[in-house]
Amino acid sequence: MEYARLWQDLIRLALIISLLVLAVMAVVVGMVFVFIGLYVALAETMKPWEAGIIVGIGIVFFATILVLIFARQGRAVSPKGAPISEQFTHHFNAQLKQIVGNTITQPNINIKSSDIVLTALIGGIVLGASPRLRQRVVTTLPSLIKFAGQKLLS
């Protein structure tokens, strides 16, 4: 239930972010046309290089104001609670710990602690050396945990 709500919130957040990106792109295109119009209007009354300097200063001024607004907004809003990535990591770590713990403690499996350490060491080296493999593990880990949990419960 909570997992489904979290995914709905993530989808809603992705939609909001994509709409904001589209809005910002529209504003940028509109500002380009405003500055081109300003340049053309100024170029009729003064030398083109003077009009270019005035429009360039206007663009720098506008960009500075936007940076200050975004910097202030970034400081004003602080997220409440743990980040979503930490929530996912904690959730998956708890599930993986339960599955591995149940597997290791089964009486018919003889696993030494040195085997676990060597496996973790080799896995860490392989994942550290291959970013592509690391990304695949991150994307397939949730389904792998669900599959292993279903097998242990049945």
C-alpha atoms as a PDB file:
ATOM      1  CA  MET A   1       0.000   0.000   0.000  1.00  0.00           C
ATOM      2  CA  GLU A   2       2.680   2.469   1.048  1.00  0.00           C
ATOM      3  CA  TYR A   3       4.874   1.348  -1.841  1.00  0.00           C
ATOM      4  CA  ALA A   4       2.085   2.057  -4.360  1.00  0.00           C
ATOM      5  CA  ARG A   5       1.448   5.491  -2.824  1.00  0.00           C
ATOM      6  CA  LEU A   6       5.147   6.274  -3.065  1.00  0.00           C
ATOM      7  CA  TRP A   7       5.155   5.369  -6.752  1.00  0.00           C
ATOM      8  CA  GLN A   8       2.064   7.530  -7.362  1.00  0.00           C
ATOM      9  CA  ASP A   9       3.806  10.439  -5.654  1.00  0.00           C
ATOM     10  CA  LEU A  10       6.921   9.888  -7.782  1.00  0.00           C
ATOM     11  CA  ILE A  11       4.870   9.833 -10.988  1.00  0.00           C
ATOM     12  CA  ARG A  12       3.037  12.994  -9.929  1.00  0.00           C
ATOM     13  CA  LEU A  13       6.375  14.666  -9.134  1.00  0.00           C
ATOM     14  CA  ALA A  14       7.816  13.639 -12.517  1.00  0.00           C
ATOM     15  CA  LEU A  15       4.773  15.087 -14.272  1.00  0.00           C
ATOM     16  CA  ILE A  16       5.044  18.362 -12.373  1.00  0.00           C
ATOM     17  CA  ILE A  17       8.755  18.627 -13.125  1.00  0.00           C
ATOM     18  CA  SER A  18       8.213  17.957 -16.828  1.00  0.00           C
ATOM     19  CA  LEU A  19       5.490  20.617 -17.005  1.00  0.00           C
ATOM     20  CA  LEU A  20       7.750  23.083 -15.217  1.00  0.00           C
ATOM     21  CA  VAL A  21      10.551  22.344 -17.680  1.00  0.00           C
ATOM     22  CA  LEU A  22       8.175  22.998 -20.589  1.00  0.00           C
ATOM     23  CA  ALA A  23       7.039  26.266 -18.980  1.00  0.00           C
ATOM     24  CA  VAL A  24      10.628  27.397 -18.476  1.00  0.00           C
ATOM     25  CA  MET A  25      11.449  26.544 -22.084  1.00  0.00           C
ATOM     26  CA  ALA A  26       8.466  28.614 -23.270  1.00  0.00           C
ATOM     27  CA  VAL A  27       9.585  31.544 -21.118  1.00  0.00           C
ATOM     28  CA  VAL A  28      13.132  31.296 -22.491  1.00  0.00           C
ATOM     29  CA  VAL A  29      11.874  31.293 -26.091  1.00  0.00           C
ATOM     30  CA  GLY A  30       9.627  34.273 -25.301  1.00  0.00           C
ATOM     31  CA  MET A  31      12.514  36.158 -23.714  1.00  0.00           C
ATOM     32  CA  VAL A  32      14.693  35.478 -26.786  1.00  0.00           C
ATOM     33  CA  PHE A  33      12.046  37.108 -28.981  1.00  0.00           C
ATOM     34  CA  VAL A  34      11.713  40.040 -26.566  1.00  0.00           C
ATOM     35  CA  PHE A  35      15.464  40.635 -26.620  1.00  0.00           C
ATOM     36  CA  ILE A  36      15.629  40.293 -30.419  1.00  0.00           C
ATOM     37  CA  GLY A  37      12.802  42.824 -30.734  1.00  0.00           C
ATOM     38  CA  LEU A  38      14.558  45.150 -28.297  1.00  0.00           C
ATOM     39  CA  TYR A  39      17.782  44.878 -30.307  1.00  0.00           C
ATOM     40  CA  VAL A  40      16.045  45.588 -33.609  1.00  0.00           C
ATOM     41  CA  ALA A  41      14.223  48.587 -32.104  1.00  0.00           C
ATOM     42  CA  LEU A  42      17.437  49.992 -30.606  1.00  0.00           C
ATOM     43  CA  ALA A  43      19.470  49.299 -33.751  1.00  0.00           C
ATOM     44  CA  GLU A  44      17.188  51.655 -35.697  1.00  0.00           C
ATOM     45  CA  THR A  45      17.981  54.599 -33.431  1.00  0.00           C
ATOM     46  CA  MET A  46      21.655  53.921 -32.581  1.00  0.00           C
ATOM     47  CA  LYS A  47      24.665  51.994 -33.844  1.00  0.00           C
ATOM     48  CA  PRO A  48      24.223  48.190 -33.903  1.00  0.00           C
ATOM     49  CA  TRP A  49      27.106  47.547 -31.508  1.00  0.00           C
ATOM     50  CA  GLU A  50      25.627  49.980 -28.973  1.00  0.00           C
ATOM     51  CA  ALA A  51      22.257  48.234 -29.236  1.00  0.00           C
ATOM     52  CA  GLY A  52      24.034  44.885 -28.774  1.00  0.00           C
ATOM     53  CA  ILE A  53      25.774  46.102 -25.607  1.00  0.00           C
ATOM     54  CA  ILE A  54      22.524  47.435 -24.136  1.00  0.00           C
ATOM     55  CA  VAL A  55      20.638  44.197 -24.904  1.00  0.00           C
ATOM     56  CA  GLY A  56      23.562  42.118 -23.576  1.00  0.00           C
ATOM     57  CA  ILE A  57      23.556  44.065 -20.309  1.00  0.00           C
ATOM     58  CA  GLY A  58      19.785  43.551 -20.099  1.00  0.00           C
ATOM     59  CA  ILE A  59      20.219  39.786 -20.567  1.00  0.00           C
ATOM     60  CA  VAL A  60      22.922  39.613 -17.872  1.00  0.00           C
ATOM     61  CA  PHE A  61      20.725  41.664 -15.518  1.00  0.00           C
ATOM     62  CA  PHE A  62      17.718  39.399 -16.154  1.00  0.00           C
ATOM     63  CA  ALA A  63      19.817  36.242 -15.633  1.00  0.00           C
ATOM     64  CA  THR A  64      21.242  37.627 -12.375  1.00  0.00           C
ATOM     65  CA  ILE A  65      17.773  38.314 -11.036  1.00  0.00           C
ATOM     66  CA  LEU A  66      16.670  34.771 -11.937  1.00  0.00           C
ATOM     67  CA  VAL A  67      19.727  33.242 -10.241  1.00  0.00           C
ATOM     68  CA  LEU A  68      19.056  35.256  -7.086  1.00  0.00           C
ATOM     69  CA  ILE A  69      15.398  34.176  -7.046  1.00  0.00           C
ATOM     70  CA  PHE A  70      16.304  30.512  -7.508  1.00  0.00           C
ATOM     71  CA  ALA A  71      19.034  30.696  -4.861  1.00  0.00           C
ATOM     72  CA  ARG A  72      16.608  32.213  -2.358  1.00  0.00           C
ATOM     73  CA  GLN A  73      13.945  29.594  -3.148  1.00  0.00           C
ATOM     74  CA  GLY A  74      16.496  26.810  -2.717  1.00  0.00           C
ATOM     75  CA  ARG A  75      17.334  28.012   0.791  1.00  0.00           C
ATOM     76  CA  ALA A  76      13.726  28.686   1.778  1.00  0.00           C
ATOM     77  CA  VAL A  77      12.417  25.207   1.018  1.00  0.00           C
ATOM     78  CA  SER A  78      13.906  22.326   2.947  1.00  0.00           C
ATOM     79  CA  PRO A  79      12.502  18.823   2.490  1.00  0.00           C
ATOM     80  CA  LYS A  80      10.821  17.202   5.460  1.00  0.00           C
ATOM     81  CA  GLY A  81      11.882  13.700   6.389  1.00  0.00           C
ATOM     82  CA  ALA A  82      14.361  11.452   4.667  1.00  0.00           C
ATOM     83  CA  PRO A  83      14.918  11.788   0.910  1.00  0.00           C
ATOM     84  CA  ILE A  84      13.071   9.329  -1.307  1.00  0.00           C
ATOM     85  CA  SER A  85      16.303   7.581  -2.295  1.00  0.00           C
ATOM     86  CA  GLU A  86      17.050   6.883   1.376  1.00  0.00           C
ATOM     87  CA  GLN A  87      13.514   5.559   1.893  1.00  0.00           C
ATOM     88  CA  PHE A  88      13.917   3.163  -1.061  1.00  0.00           C
ATOM     89  CA  THR A  89      17.361   2.084   0.117  1.00  0.00           C
ATOM     90  CA  HIS A  90      16.132   1.445   3.642  1.00  0.00           C
ATOM     91  CA  HIS A  91      13.109  -0.508   2.373  1.00  0.00           C
ATOM     92  CA  PHE A  92      15.162  -2.688   0.001  1.00  0.00           C
ATOM     93  CA  ASN A  93      17.921  -3.213   2.581  1.00  0.00           C
ATOM     94  CA  ALA A  94      15.369  -4.419   5.128  1.00  0.00           C
ATOM     95  CA  GLN A  95      13.827  -6.859   2.642  1.00  0.00           C
ATOM     96  CA  LEU A  96      17.221  -8.105   1.469  1.00  0.00           C
ATOM     97  CA  LYS A  97      18.421  -8.538   5.057  1.00  0.00           C
ATOM     98  CA  GLN A  98      15.361 -10.634   5.897  1.00  0.00           C
ATOM     99  CA  ILE A  99      15.746 -12.828   2.791  1.00  0.00           C
ATOM    100  CA  VAL A 100      19.488 -13.354   3.228  1.00  0.00           C
ATOM    101  CA  GLY A 101      19.072 -13.990   6.947  1.00  0.00           C
ATOM    102  CA  ASN A 102      16.394 -16.624   6.312  1.00  0.00           C
ATOM    103  CA  THR A 103      18.510 -18.267   3.627  1.00  0.00           C
ATOM    104  CA  ILE A 104      21.700 -18.414   5.684  1.00  0.00           C
ATOM    105  CA  THR A 105      20.017 -19.753   8.818  1.00  0.00           C
ATOM    106  CA  GLN A 106      18.398 -22.703   7.058  1.00  0.00           C
ATOM    107  CA  PRO A 107      19.836 -25.919   8.551  1.00  0.00           C
ATOM    108  CA  ASN A 108      20.698 -27.661   5.260  1.00  0.00           C
ATOM    109  CA  ILE A 109      22.896 -24.811   3.975  1.00  0.00           C
ATOM    110  CA  ASN A 110      26.513 -24.758   5.145  1.00  0.00           C
ATOM    111  CA  ILE A 111      27.807 -21.217   4.519  1.00  0.00           C
ATOM    112  CA  LYS A 112      30.925 -19.999   6.317  1.00  0.00           C
ATOM    113  CA  SER A 113      31.366 -16.349   7.218  1.00  0.00           C
ATOM    114  CA  SER A 114      34.562 -16.235   5.114  1.00  0.00           C
ATOM    115  CA  ASP A 115      32.470 -17.200   2.061  1.00  0.00           C
ATOM    116  CA  ILE A 116      30.165 -14.250   2.687  1.00  0.00           C
ATOM    117  CA  VAL A 117      33.102 -11.856   3.105  1.00  0.00           C
ATOM    118  CA  LEU A 118      34.797 -13.042  -0.100  1.00  0.00           C
ATOM    119  CA  THR A 119      31.543 -12.849  -2.044  1.00  0.00           C
ATOM    120  CA  ALA A 120      30.918  -9.297  -0.816  1.00  0.00           C
ATOM    121  CA  LEU A 121      34.504  -8.290  -1.649  1.00  0.00           C
ATOM    122  CA  ILE A 122      34.375  -9.687  -5.186  1.00  0.00           C
ATOM    123  CA  GLY A 123      30.897  -8.230  -5.760  1.00  0.00           C
ATOM    124  CA  GLY A 124      32.076  -4.808  -4.576  1.00  0.00           C
ATOM    125  CA  ILE A 125      35.091  -4.890  -6.891  1.00  0.00           C
ATOM    126  CA  VAL A 126      32.985  -5.942  -9.891  1.00  0.00           C
ATOM    127  CA  LEU A 127      30.266  -3.331  -9.231  1.00  0.00           C
ATOM    128  CA  GLY A 128      32.863  -0.631  -8.606  1.00  0.00           C
ATOM    129  CA  ALA A 129      34.619  -1.373 -11.894  1.00  0.00           C
ATOM    130  CA  SER A 130      31.500  -1.477 -14.079  1.00  0.00           C
ATOM    131  CA  PRO A 131      29.067   1.461 -13.907  1.00  0.00           C
ATOM    132  CA  ARG A 132      26.787  -0.228 -16.461  1.00  0.00           C
ATOM    133  CA  LEU A 133      26.511  -3.379 -14.354  1.00  0.00           C
ATOM    134  CA  ARG A 134      25.934  -1.251 -11.245  1.00  0.00           C
ATOM    135  CA  GLN A 135      23.022   0.511 -12.991  1.00  0.00           C
ATOM    136  CA  ARG A 136      21.530  -2.823 -14.033  1.00  0.00           C
ATOM    137  CA  VAL A 137      21.738  -4.142 -10.482  1.00  0.00           C
ATOM    138  CA  VAL A 138      20.042  -1.019  -9.148  1.00  0.00           C
ATOM    139  CA  THR A 139      17.188  -1.311 -11.653  1.00  0.00           C
ATOM    140  CA  THR A 140      16.632  -5.065 -11.210  1.00  0.00           C
ATOM    141  CA  LEU A 141      17.131  -5.293  -7.444  1.00  0.00           C
ATOM    142  CA  PRO A 142      13.475  -4.550  -6.505  1.00  0.00           C
ATOM    143  CA  SER A 143      12.094  -7.315  -8.727  1.00  0.00           C
ATOM    144  CA  LEU A 144      14.807  -9.716  -7.552  1.00  0.00           C
ATOM    145  CA  ILE A 145      13.939  -9.049  -3.917  1.00  0.00           C
ATOM    146  CA  LYS A 146      10.221  -9.609  -4.581  1.00  0.00           C
ATOM    147  CA  PHE A 147      10.953 -12.858  -6.435  1.00  0.00           C
ATOM    148  CA  ALA A 148      13.234 -14.179  -3.681  1.00  0.00           C
ATOM    149  CA  GLY A 149      10.703 -13.221  -1.003  1.00  0.00           C
ATOM    150  CA  GLN A 150       7.917 -15.074  -2.825  1.00  0.00           C
ATOM    151  CA  LYS A 151      10.081 -18.194  -3.179  1.00  0.00           C
ATOM    152  CA  LEU A 152      10.964 -18.217   0.526  1.00  0.00           C
ATOM    153  CA  LEU A 153       7.384 -17.702   1.637  1.00  0.00           C
ATOM    154  CA  SER A 154       6.003 -20.487  -0.568  1.00  0.00           C
END
